[in-house]
Amino acid sequence: ERFPEFTDELRTSMWEEPIRFLSDLVQNDRSVLELLAGKHTFVNDVLAQHYGMNELDISAGEWVRIEDAREFGRGGLLPMAVFLTKNSPGLRTSPVKRGYWVVRQLLGERIPPPPPNVPELPADESQLGELTLREVLARHREHASCAGCHNRFDGMGLSFEGYGPVGERRSIDLGGRPVQIQAEFPGGQ
């Protein structure tokens, strides 16, 4: 009900985007660096609409390569809706899940599981009260027992807050608060 645009057709399109991207990478002997730094992506009519590429004239069932997808906040694997959606719990984003996925899957870090007494965040982003998700996580990192791990991946996940729970671009969160995508990365300035 909250995301009526998230149809089975969109879900299938999201799933196919990285397959087309990777097939193109291999078949055309492109650099593996394009996985993260690529400026292009592949979309069909459904995914183009989801990404706000409304001026494209794509026939149903047709897939096209978008050379400079950066103007739509896309390009490479990380801003693909399939990864953003997979790492969201449903009615909110999850900088923790998104950041953990990047740090674990792409950087290969081993991070221990959370202790059993970690409080759960509200399942719905609109129920966070006066605080933004960024502010809730900052409070969480004030606890020494949490900061050790969260300092390693929260920044990575917060950089994806410009994408909502189903990978749509956004500037306002589901609670009506402005989204901030600036983040500090581990060991960075």
N, C-alpha and C. Protein backbone atom coordinates (compact mmCIF):
# COMPACT_ATOMS: atom_id res chain seq x y z
N GLU A 1 0.82 -1.19 0.00
CA GLU A 1 0.00 0.00 0.00
C GLU A 1 0.86 1.25 0.00
N ARG A 2 1.96 1.25 0.72
CA ARG A 2 2.81 2.44 0.83
C ARG A 2 3.58 2.70 -0.45
N PHE A 3 3.91 1.64 -1.20
CA PHE A 3 4.70 1.78 -2.42
C PHE A 3 3.95 1.10 -3.57
N PRO A 4 2.89 1.71 -4.05
CA PRO A 4 2.10 1.08 -5.12
C PRO A 4 2.89 0.89 -6.41
N GLU A 5 3.95 1.67 -6.59
CA GLU A 5 4.78 1.52 -7.79
C GLU A 5 5.65 0.27 -7.74
N PHE A 6 5.76 -0.35 -6.56
CA PHE A 6 6.60 -1.54 -6.42
C PHE A 6 5.79 -2.77 -6.83
N THR A 7 5.72 -2.98 -8.11
CA THR A 7 4.95 -4.08 -8.69
C THR A 7 5.87 -5.27 -8.97
N ASP A 8 5.28 -6.38 -9.33
CA ASP A 8 6.08 -7.55 -9.72
C ASP A 8 6.90 -7.23 -10.96
N GLU A 9 6.34 -6.43 -11.86
CA GLU A 9 7.07 -6.05 -13.07
C GLU A 9 8.30 -5.21 -12.72
N LEU A 10 8.16 -4.29 -11.78
CA LEU A 10 9.31 -3.49 -11.35
C LEU A 10 10.33 -4.38 -10.64
N ARG A 11 9.87 -5.26 -9.79
CA ARG A 11 10.77 -6.17 -9.08
C ARG A 11 11.58 -7.01 -10.07
N THR A 12 10.94 -7.52 -11.10
CA THR A 12 11.63 -8.31 -12.12
C THR A 12 12.65 -7.45 -12.86
N SER A 13 12.28 -6.22 -13.16
CA SER A 13 13.20 -5.30 -13.86
C SER A 13 14.41 -4.98 -12.99
N MET A 14 14.18 -4.76 -11.70
CA MET A 14 15.28 -4.50 -10.77
C MET A 14 16.26 -5.67 -10.76
N TRP A 15 15.72 -6.87 -10.76
CA TRP A 15 16.54 -8.08 -10.72
C TRP A 15 17.38 -8.22 -11.99
N GLU A 16 16.82 -7.81 -13.11
CA GLU A 16 17.50 -8.00 -14.40
C GLU A 16 18.57 -6.94 -14.67
N GLU A 17 18.45 -5.76 -14.09
CA GLU A 17 19.42 -4.68 -14.35
C GLU A 17 20.87 -5.10 -14.09
N PRO A 18 21.21 -5.65 -12.91
CA PRO A 18 22.62 -6.02 -12.70
C PRO A 18 23.06 -7.17 -13.60
N ILE A 19 22.15 -8.05 -13.98
CA ILE A 19 22.52 -9.14 -14.89
C ILE A 19 22.93 -8.56 -16.24
N ARG A 20 22.16 -7.62 -16.74
CA ARG A 20 22.50 -6.97 -18.02
C ARG A 20 23.80 -6.18 -17.89
N PHE A 21 23.97 -5.50 -16.77
CA PHE A 21 25.18 -4.72 -16.54
C PHE A 21 26.42 -5.63 -16.53
N LEU A 22 26.35 -6.72 -15.78
CA LEU A 22 27.48 -7.65 -15.69
C LEU A 22 27.74 -8.38 -17.00
N SER A 23 26.68 -8.75 -17.70
CA SER A 23 26.85 -9.40 -19.02
C SER A 23 27.58 -8.47 -19.98
N ASP A 24 27.20 -7.21 -19.98
CA ASP A 24 27.86 -6.22 -20.84
C ASP A 24 29.32 -6.06 -20.45
N LEU A 25 29.59 -6.03 -19.16
CA LEU A 25 30.95 -5.89 -18.67
C LEU A 25 31.84 -7.03 -19.17
N VAL A 26 31.34 -8.25 -19.04
CA VAL A 26 32.12 -9.42 -19.45
C VAL A 26 32.21 -9.52 -20.97
N GLN A 27 31.11 -9.40 -21.67
CA GLN A 27 31.09 -9.56 -23.12
C GLN A 27 31.92 -8.51 -23.85
N ASN A 28 32.05 -7.33 -23.26
CA ASN A 28 32.80 -6.26 -23.91
C ASN A 28 34.14 -5.99 -23.25
N ASP A 29 34.58 -6.94 -22.40
CA ASP A 29 35.89 -6.87 -21.76
C ASP A 29 36.15 -5.51 -21.11
N ARG A 30 35.16 -5.05 -20.37
CA ARG A 30 35.28 -3.76 -19.69
C ARG A 30 36.02 -3.93 -18.37
N SER A 31 36.48 -2.84 -17.82
CA SER A 31 37.22 -2.85 -16.56
C SER A 31 36.30 -3.23 -15.41
N VAL A 32 36.83 -4.02 -14.51
CA VAL A 32 36.09 -4.41 -13.31
C VAL A 32 35.80 -3.18 -12.44
N LEU A 33 36.55 -2.12 -12.60
CA LEU A 33 36.31 -0.89 -11.84
C LEU A 33 34.95 -0.28 -12.16
N GLU A 34 34.40 -0.61 -13.33
CA GLU A 34 33.08 -0.10 -13.69
C GLU A 34 31.98 -0.62 -12.76
N LEU A 35 32.25 -1.72 -12.07
CA LEU A 35 31.26 -2.22 -11.12
C LEU A 35 30.91 -1.15 -10.09
N LEU A 36 31.92 -0.41 -9.65
CA LEU A 36 31.69 0.64 -8.66
C LEU A 36 31.69 2.04 -9.26
N ALA A 37 32.49 2.27 -10.28
CA ALA A 37 32.65 3.61 -10.82
C ALA A 37 31.97 3.80 -12.18
N GLY A 38 31.19 2.81 -12.59
CA GLY A 38 30.52 2.93 -13.89
C GLY A 38 29.59 4.12 -13.94
N LYS A 39 29.51 4.71 -15.11
CA LYS A 39 28.64 5.87 -15.32
C LYS A 39 27.35 5.49 -16.03
N HIS A 40 27.24 4.23 -16.40
CA HIS A 40 26.10 3.79 -17.19
C HIS A 40 25.29 2.73 -16.44
N THR A 41 24.13 2.44 -17.00
CA THR A 41 23.31 1.33 -16.53
C THR A 41 22.40 0.91 -17.67
N PHE A 42 21.58 -0.08 -17.41
CA PHE A 42 20.61 -0.57 -18.39
C PHE A 42 19.22 -0.49 -17.77
N VAL A 43 18.26 -0.01 -18.55
CA VAL A 43 16.89 0.10 -18.05
C VAL A 43 15.90 -0.32 -19.12
N ASN A 44 14.75 -0.77 -18.67
CA ASN A 44 13.60 -0.96 -19.56
C ASN A 44 12.62 0.16 -19.24
N ASP A 45 11.44 0.14 -19.85
CA ASP A 45 10.48 1.22 -19.63
C ASP A 45 10.04 1.33 -18.17
N VAL A 46 9.87 0.22 -17.51
CA VAL A 46 9.41 0.22 -16.11
C VAL A 46 10.48 0.79 -15.18
N LEU A 47 11.70 0.33 -15.34
CA LEU A 47 12.80 0.80 -14.50
C LEU A 47 13.14 2.26 -14.81
N ALA A 48 13.06 2.64 -16.07
CA ALA A 48 13.30 4.04 -16.45
C ALA A 48 12.32 4.96 -15.74
N GLN A 49 11.07 4.58 -15.69
CA GLN A 49 10.06 5.38 -15.00
C GLN A 49 10.38 5.46 -13.51
N HIS A 50 10.76 4.34 -12.91
CA HIS A 50 11.11 4.31 -11.49
C HIS A 50 12.30 5.21 -11.19
N TYR A 51 13.25 5.28 -12.11
CA TYR A 51 14.45 6.08 -11.94
C TYR A 51 14.26 7.54 -12.34
N GLY A 52 13.07 7.91 -12.79
CA GLY A 52 12.82 9.29 -13.18
C GLY A 52 13.37 9.66 -14.54
N MET A 53 13.60 8.66 -15.37
CA MET A 53 14.10 8.88 -16.73
C MET A 53 12.91 8.99 -17.68
N ASN A 54 12.03 9.90 -17.38
CA ASN A 54 10.74 9.98 -18.05
C ASN A 54 10.81 10.41 -19.50
N GLU A 55 11.87 11.10 -19.90
CA GLU A 55 11.96 11.57 -21.27
C GLU A 55 12.40 10.49 -22.26
N LEU A 56 12.77 9.33 -21.77
CA LEU A 56 13.19 8.24 -22.65
C LEU A 56 11.97 7.60 -23.32
N ASP A 57 12.15 7.26 -24.57
CA ASP A 57 11.09 6.58 -25.31
C ASP A 57 11.51 5.12 -25.50
N ILE A 58 11.07 4.28 -24.56
CA ILE A 58 11.47 2.88 -24.56
C ILE A 58 10.22 2.04 -24.74
N SER A 59 10.25 1.14 -25.71
CA SER A 59 9.12 0.25 -25.94
C SER A 59 9.04 -0.79 -24.83
N ALA A 60 7.85 -1.28 -24.60
CA ALA A 60 7.66 -2.34 -23.60
C ALA A 60 8.54 -3.53 -23.94
N GLY A 61 9.27 -4.03 -22.96
CA GLY A 61 10.13 -5.19 -23.15
C GLY A 61 11.51 -4.86 -23.68
N GLU A 62 11.74 -3.63 -24.11
CA GLU A 62 13.04 -3.22 -24.65
C GLU A 62 13.96 -2.78 -23.51
N TRP A 63 15.23 -3.12 -23.60
CA TRP A 63 16.24 -2.66 -22.66
C TRP A 63 17.22 -1.78 -23.40
N VAL A 64 17.61 -0.66 -22.79
CA VAL A 64 18.56 0.25 -23.41
C VAL A 64 19.66 0.59 -22.42
N ARG A 65 20.82 0.87 -22.98
CA ARG A 65 21.96 1.31 -22.17
C ARG A 65 21.87 2.82 -22.03
N ILE A 66 21.96 3.30 -20.80
CA ILE A 66 21.97 4.73 -20.51
C ILE A 66 23.43 5.09 -20.24
N GLU A 67 24.04 5.83 -21.15
CA GLU A 67 25.47 6.12 -21.08
C GLU A 67 25.86 6.93 -19.84
N ASP A 68 25.15 8.01 -19.57
CA ASP A 68 25.47 8.81 -18.38
C ASP A 68 24.28 8.80 -17.44
N ALA A 69 24.21 7.75 -16.66
CA ALA A 69 23.10 7.59 -15.73
C ALA A 69 23.30 8.39 -14.45
N ARG A 70 24.46 9.03 -14.31
CA ARG A 70 24.74 9.79 -13.09
C ARG A 70 23.77 10.93 -12.88
N GLU A 71 23.26 11.51 -13.97
CA GLU A 71 22.32 12.62 -13.80
C GLU A 71 21.03 12.15 -13.13
N PHE A 72 20.82 10.85 -13.11
CA PHE A 72 19.65 10.27 -12.44
C PHE A 72 20.04 9.56 -11.15
N GLY A 73 21.29 9.77 -10.71
CA GLY A 73 21.77 9.14 -9.48
C GLY A 73 22.09 7.67 -9.65
N ARG A 74 22.37 7.25 -10.87
CA ARG A 74 22.64 5.83 -11.14
C ARG A 74 24.01 5.70 -11.82
N GLY A 75 24.40 4.46 -12.05
CA GLY A 75 25.67 4.16 -12.67
C GLY A 75 26.45 3.21 -11.78
N GLY A 76 26.90 2.09 -12.34
CA GLY A 76 27.56 1.08 -11.53
C GLY A 76 26.53 0.30 -10.72
N LEU A 77 27.02 -0.60 -9.89
CA LEU A 77 26.13 -1.50 -9.14
C LEU A 77 25.45 -0.89 -7.92
N LEU A 78 26.17 -0.07 -7.16
CA LEU A 78 25.66 0.33 -5.86
C LEU A 78 24.34 1.11 -5.87
N PRO A 79 24.10 2.01 -6.81
CA PRO A 79 22.81 2.71 -6.78
C PRO A 79 21.69 1.98 -7.54
N MET A 80 21.90 0.72 -7.86
CA MET A 80 20.82 -0.04 -8.50
C MET A 80 19.74 -0.34 -7.48
N ALA A 81 18.51 -0.19 -7.89
CA ALA A 81 17.37 -0.35 -6.99
C ALA A 81 17.33 -1.73 -6.34
N VAL A 82 17.80 -2.76 -7.02
CA VAL A 82 17.74 -4.11 -6.45
C VAL A 82 18.57 -4.20 -5.17
N PHE A 83 19.74 -3.60 -5.14
CA PHE A 83 20.58 -3.66 -3.95
C PHE A 83 20.04 -2.76 -2.84
N LEU A 84 19.53 -1.59 -3.24
CA LEU A 84 18.98 -0.66 -2.25
C LEU A 84 17.74 -1.24 -1.59
N THR A 85 16.89 -1.89 -2.38
CA THR A 85 15.66 -2.48 -1.86
C THR A 85 15.96 -3.71 -1.01
N LYS A 86 16.89 -4.53 -1.47
CA LYS A 86 17.25 -5.74 -0.72
C LYS A 86 17.73 -5.39 0.69
N ASN A 87 18.37 -4.25 0.82
CA ASN A 87 18.94 -3.86 2.10
C ASN A 87 18.10 -2.79 2.81
N SER A 88 16.81 -2.88 2.64
CA SER A 88 15.85 -2.04 3.36
C SER A 88 14.81 -2.97 3.98
N PRO A 89 14.37 -2.67 5.20
CA PRO A 89 13.42 -3.57 5.85
C PRO A 89 11.96 -3.39 5.43
N GLY A 90 11.67 -2.49 4.51
CA GLY A 90 10.29 -2.37 4.05
C GLY A 90 9.77 -0.96 4.07
N LEU A 91 9.42 -0.45 5.24
CA LEU A 91 8.82 0.87 5.34
C LEU A 91 9.81 1.95 5.75
N ARG A 92 11.08 1.64 5.66
CA ARG A 92 12.13 2.63 5.89
C ARG A 92 13.39 2.13 5.22
N THR A 93 14.35 3.03 5.14
CA THR A 93 15.65 2.60 4.65
C THR A 93 16.40 1.98 5.82
N SER A 94 17.57 1.45 5.54
CA SER A 94 18.41 0.94 6.62
C SER A 94 19.87 1.24 6.29
N PRO A 95 20.37 2.39 6.76
CA PRO A 95 21.79 2.66 6.56
C PRO A 95 22.67 1.56 7.16
N VAL A 96 22.19 0.93 8.23
CA VAL A 96 22.96 -0.15 8.84
C VAL A 96 23.07 -1.33 7.87
N LYS A 97 21.95 -1.80 7.33
CA LYS A 97 21.99 -2.93 6.40
C LYS A 97 22.73 -2.58 5.12
N ARG A 98 22.48 -1.39 4.59
CA ARG A 98 23.14 -0.98 3.34
C ARG A 98 24.65 -0.84 3.55
N GLY A 99 25.04 -0.18 4.62
CA GLY A 99 26.46 -0.01 4.90
C GLY A 99 27.15 -1.33 5.22
N TYR A 100 26.48 -2.15 6.01
CA TYR A 100 27.04 -3.46 6.35
C TYR A 100 27.25 -4.29 5.08
N TRP A 101 26.28 -4.24 4.16
CA TRP A 101 26.39 -5.00 2.92
C TRP A 101 27.62 -4.56 2.13
N VAL A 102 27.84 -3.25 2.02
CA VAL A 102 29.01 -2.75 1.28
C VAL A 102 30.30 -3.19 1.96
N VAL A 103 30.37 -3.00 3.27
CA VAL A 103 31.59 -3.32 4.01
C VAL A 103 31.86 -4.82 4.00
N ARG A 104 30.83 -5.61 4.15
CA ARG A 104 30.98 -7.07 4.22
C ARG A 104 31.19 -7.68 2.84
N GLN A 105 30.30 -7.36 1.90
CA GLN A 105 30.33 -8.01 0.58
C GLN A 105 31.39 -7.44 -0.36
N LEU A 106 31.59 -6.13 -0.33
CA LEU A 106 32.53 -5.52 -1.27
C LEU A 106 33.92 -5.34 -0.69
N LEU A 107 34.00 -5.00 0.58
CA LEU A 107 35.30 -4.76 1.19
C LEU A 107 35.82 -5.98 1.95
N GLY A 108 34.95 -6.97 2.16
CA GLY A 108 35.36 -8.23 2.76
C GLY A 108 35.67 -8.17 4.24
N GLU A 109 35.19 -7.15 4.93
CA GLU A 109 35.44 -7.07 6.37
C GLU A 109 34.58 -8.06 7.13
N ARG A 110 35.11 -8.54 8.22
CA ARG A 110 34.36 -9.43 9.13
C ARG A 110 33.91 -8.58 10.31
N ILE A 111 32.63 -8.50 10.49
CA ILE A 111 32.08 -7.73 11.60
C ILE A 111 31.22 -8.68 12.42
N PRO A 112 31.43 -8.71 13.74
CA PRO A 112 30.66 -9.64 14.57
C PRO A 112 29.17 -9.29 14.58
N PRO A 113 28.32 -10.27 14.85
CA PRO A 113 26.89 -9.98 14.94
C PRO A 113 26.59 -9.07 16.13
N PRO A 114 25.49 -8.36 16.08
CA PRO A 114 25.16 -7.45 17.19
C PRO A 114 24.81 -8.25 18.44
N PRO A 115 24.98 -7.63 19.60
CA PRO A 115 24.58 -8.31 20.83
C PRO A 115 23.07 -8.48 20.85
N PRO A 116 22.56 -9.42 21.62
CA PRO A 116 21.12 -9.72 21.60
C PRO A 116 20.22 -8.62 22.15
N ASN A 117 20.75 -7.69 22.90
CA ASN A 117 19.92 -6.68 23.54
C ASN A 117 19.86 -5.34 22.79
N VAL A 118 20.22 -5.32 21.51
CA VAL A 118 20.18 -4.08 20.73
C VAL A 118 18.73 -3.71 20.47
N PRO A 119 18.34 -2.48 20.82
CA PRO A 119 16.95 -2.07 20.58
C PRO A 119 16.66 -1.96 19.09
N GLU A 120 15.47 -2.37 18.70
CA GLU A 120 15.04 -2.31 17.30
C GLU A 120 14.58 -0.90 16.97
N LEU A 121 14.87 -0.47 15.77
CA LEU A 121 14.34 0.80 15.27
C LEU A 121 12.90 0.58 14.85
N PRO A 122 12.09 1.63 14.84
CA PRO A 122 10.72 1.47 14.34
C PRO A 122 10.74 0.93 12.91
N ALA A 123 9.82 0.06 12.60
CA ALA A 123 9.77 -0.54 11.26
C ALA A 123 9.37 0.47 10.20
N ASP A 124 8.72 1.55 10.59
CA ASP A 124 8.23 2.56 9.65
C ASP A 124 8.99 3.86 9.90
N GLU A 125 9.62 4.36 8.87
CA GLU A 125 10.42 5.57 8.96
C GLU A 125 9.61 6.77 9.45
N SER A 126 8.32 6.78 9.15
CA SER A 126 7.49 7.89 9.58
C SER A 126 7.23 7.86 11.09
N GLN A 127 7.61 6.78 11.76
CA GLN A 127 7.38 6.63 13.20
C GLN A 127 8.63 6.90 14.04
N LEU A 128 9.62 7.57 13.47
CA LEU A 128 10.85 7.86 14.21
C LEU A 128 10.71 9.05 15.15
N GLY A 129 9.59 9.73 15.11
CA GLY A 129 9.39 10.89 15.97
C GLY A 129 10.09 12.11 15.40
N GLU A 130 10.69 12.88 16.26
CA GLU A 130 11.34 14.13 15.84
C GLU A 130 12.72 13.90 15.24
N LEU A 131 13.30 12.75 15.49
CA LEU A 131 14.66 12.48 15.02
C LEU A 131 14.67 11.89 13.61
N THR A 132 15.71 12.19 12.86
CA THR A 132 15.92 11.52 11.59
C THR A 132 16.62 10.20 11.86
N LEU A 133 16.64 9.34 10.91
CA LEU A 133 17.34 8.07 11.05
C LEU A 133 18.83 8.31 11.31
N ARG A 134 19.38 9.32 10.65
CA ARG A 134 20.79 9.71 10.86
C ARG A 134 21.02 10.06 12.34
N GLU A 135 20.11 10.82 12.94
CA GLU A 135 20.25 11.23 14.34
C GLU A 135 20.08 10.05 15.29
N VAL A 136 19.18 9.14 14.97
CA VAL A 136 18.99 7.94 15.79
C VAL A 136 20.27 7.11 15.79
N LEU A 137 20.88 6.96 14.61
CA LEU A 137 22.12 6.18 14.53
C LEU A 137 23.27 6.88 15.25
N ALA A 138 23.31 8.21 15.18
CA ALA A 138 24.36 8.95 15.89
C ALA A 138 24.25 8.71 17.39
N ARG A 139 23.04 8.71 17.91
CA ARG A 139 22.84 8.41 19.35
C ARG A 139 23.30 6.99 19.67
N HIS A 140 23.00 6.07 18.79
CA HIS A 140 23.38 4.66 18.98
C HIS A 140 24.91 4.54 19.04
N ARG A 141 25.59 5.29 18.18
CA ARG A 141 27.06 5.23 18.15
C ARG A 141 27.70 5.89 19.37
N GLU A 142 26.93 6.61 20.17
CA GLU A 142 27.47 7.20 21.40
C GLU A 142 27.81 6.12 22.43
N HIS A 143 27.22 4.95 22.32
CA HIS A 143 27.50 3.84 23.22
C HIS A 143 28.76 3.13 22.74
N ALA A 144 29.74 3.06 23.60
CA ALA A 144 31.03 2.49 23.21
C ALA A 144 30.90 1.07 22.67
N SER A 145 29.99 0.28 23.24
CA SER A 145 29.84 -1.10 22.79
C SER A 145 29.26 -1.19 21.39
N CYS A 146 28.62 -0.13 20.91
CA CYS A 146 28.02 -0.11 19.57
C CYS A 146 28.93 0.59 18.57
N ALA A 147 29.63 1.61 19.02
CA ALA A 147 30.42 2.46 18.13
C ALA A 147 31.49 1.69 17.37
N GLY A 148 32.11 0.72 18.02
CA GLY A 148 33.20 -0.02 17.37
C GLY A 148 32.82 -0.59 16.03
N CYS A 149 31.64 -1.16 15.94
CA CYS A 149 31.17 -1.73 14.67
C CYS A 149 30.47 -0.69 13.80
N HIS A 150 29.57 0.07 14.40
CA HIS A 150 28.78 1.02 13.62
C HIS A 150 29.64 2.10 12.96
N ASN A 151 30.74 2.47 13.58
CA ASN A 151 31.63 3.45 12.95
C ASN A 151 32.24 2.89 11.66
N ARG A 152 32.25 1.59 11.52
CA ARG A 152 32.83 0.95 10.34
C ARG A 152 31.87 0.92 9.16
N PHE A 153 30.54 0.98 9.41
CA PHE A 153 29.63 0.85 8.26
C PHE A 153 28.50 1.87 8.18
N ASP A 154 28.18 2.57 9.25
CA ASP A 154 27.06 3.52 9.18
C ASP A 154 27.27 4.60 8.12
N GLY A 155 28.48 5.13 8.02
CA GLY A 155 28.75 6.17 7.02
C GLY A 155 28.49 5.68 5.61
N MET A 156 28.88 4.46 5.34
CA MET A 156 28.62 3.89 4.00
C MET A 156 27.12 3.85 3.73
N GLY A 157 26.37 3.41 4.70
CA GLY A 157 24.92 3.31 4.53
C GLY A 157 24.24 4.66 4.46
N LEU A 158 24.70 5.62 5.25
CA LEU A 158 24.10 6.95 5.24
C LEU A 158 24.29 7.65 3.90
N SER A 159 25.34 7.30 3.18
CA SER A 159 25.55 7.92 1.86
C SER A 159 24.48 7.49 0.86
N PHE A 160 23.70 6.47 1.19
CA PHE A 160 22.61 5.99 0.31
C PHE A 160 21.23 6.47 0.77
N GLU A 161 21.17 7.40 1.72
CA GLU A 161 19.88 7.87 2.21
C GLU A 161 19.09 8.68 1.18
N GLY A 162 19.74 9.08 0.10
CA GLY A 162 19.05 9.77 -0.99
C GLY A 162 18.20 8.82 -1.82
N TYR A 163 18.18 7.55 -1.41
CA TYR A 163 17.36 6.52 -2.06
C TYR A 163 16.42 5.94 -1.02
N GLY A 164 15.15 5.88 -1.34
CA GLY A 164 14.16 5.36 -0.42
C GLY A 164 14.16 3.85 -0.33
N PRO A 165 13.20 3.29 0.38
CA PRO A 165 13.14 1.85 0.62
C PRO A 165 13.06 0.98 -0.62
N VAL A 166 12.52 1.48 -1.73
CA VAL A 166 12.47 0.68 -2.95
C VAL A 166 13.40 1.24 -4.01
N GLY A 167 14.44 1.94 -3.56
CA GLY A 167 15.48 2.43 -4.47
C GLY A 167 15.10 3.67 -5.25
N GLU A 168 14.01 4.32 -4.88
CA GLU A 168 13.60 5.55 -5.56
C GLU A 168 14.43 6.72 -5.03
N ARG A 169 14.73 7.70 -5.88
CA ARG A 169 15.44 8.89 -5.41
C ARG A 169 14.51 9.70 -4.52
N ARG A 170 15.10 10.35 -3.53
CA ARG A 170 14.28 11.15 -2.64
C ARG A 170 15.12 12.24 -2.00
N SER A 171 14.46 13.31 -1.61
CA SER A 171 15.11 14.38 -0.86
C SER A 171 14.43 14.57 0.50
N ILE A 172 13.27 13.93 0.67
CA ILE A 172 12.50 13.97 1.91
C ILE A 172 12.27 12.53 2.36
N ASP A 173 12.48 12.24 3.65
CA ASP A 173 12.24 10.88 4.13
C ASP A 173 10.74 10.65 4.34
N LEU A 174 10.36 9.46 4.72
CA LEU A 174 8.95 9.11 4.87
C LEU A 174 8.28 9.80 6.06
N GLY A 175 9.08 10.43 6.90
CA GLY A 175 8.53 11.22 8.01
C GLY A 175 8.43 12.69 7.66
N GLY A 176 8.76 13.05 6.40
CA GLY A 176 8.67 14.43 5.94
C GLY A 176 9.89 15.28 6.27
N ARG A 177 10.98 14.65 6.68
CA ARG A 177 12.20 15.39 7.02
C ARG A 177 13.19 15.37 5.86
N PRO A 178 13.97 16.46 5.68
CA PRO A 178 14.97 16.48 4.61
C PRO A 178 16.01 15.37 4.81
N VAL A 179 16.44 14.79 3.72
CA VAL A 179 17.44 13.72 3.74
C VAL A 179 18.82 14.34 3.55
N GLN A 180 19.77 13.89 4.34
CA GLN A 180 21.17 14.30 4.20
C GLN A 180 21.97 13.09 3.77
N ILE A 181 22.77 13.25 2.73
CA ILE A 181 23.55 12.11 2.23
C ILE A 181 25.04 12.23 2.55
N GLN A 182 25.46 13.32 3.18
CA GLN A 182 26.85 13.46 3.54
C GLN A 182 27.17 12.45 4.63
N ALA A 183 28.36 11.88 4.54
CA ALA A 183 28.74 10.87 5.53
C ALA A 183 30.23 10.86 5.73
N GLU A 184 30.64 10.42 6.89
CA GLU A 184 32.06 10.21 7.19
C GLU A 184 32.33 8.72 7.06
N PHE A 185 33.43 8.43 6.36
CA PHE A 185 33.80 7.03 6.16
C PHE A 185 34.91 6.65 7.12
N PRO A 186 34.98 5.38 7.47
CA PRO A 186 36.01 4.92 8.41
C PRO A 186 37.40 5.32 7.93
N GLY A 187 38.18 5.92 8.83
CA GLY A 187 39.54 6.31 8.49
C GLY A 187 39.61 7.56 7.63
N GLY A 188 38.47 8.12 7.26
CA GLY A 188 38.45 9.30 6.39
C GLY A 188 38.32 10.57 7.19
N GLN A 189 38.30 11.64 6.46
CA GLN A 189 38.16 12.96 7.07
C GLN A 189 36.73 13.42 6.95
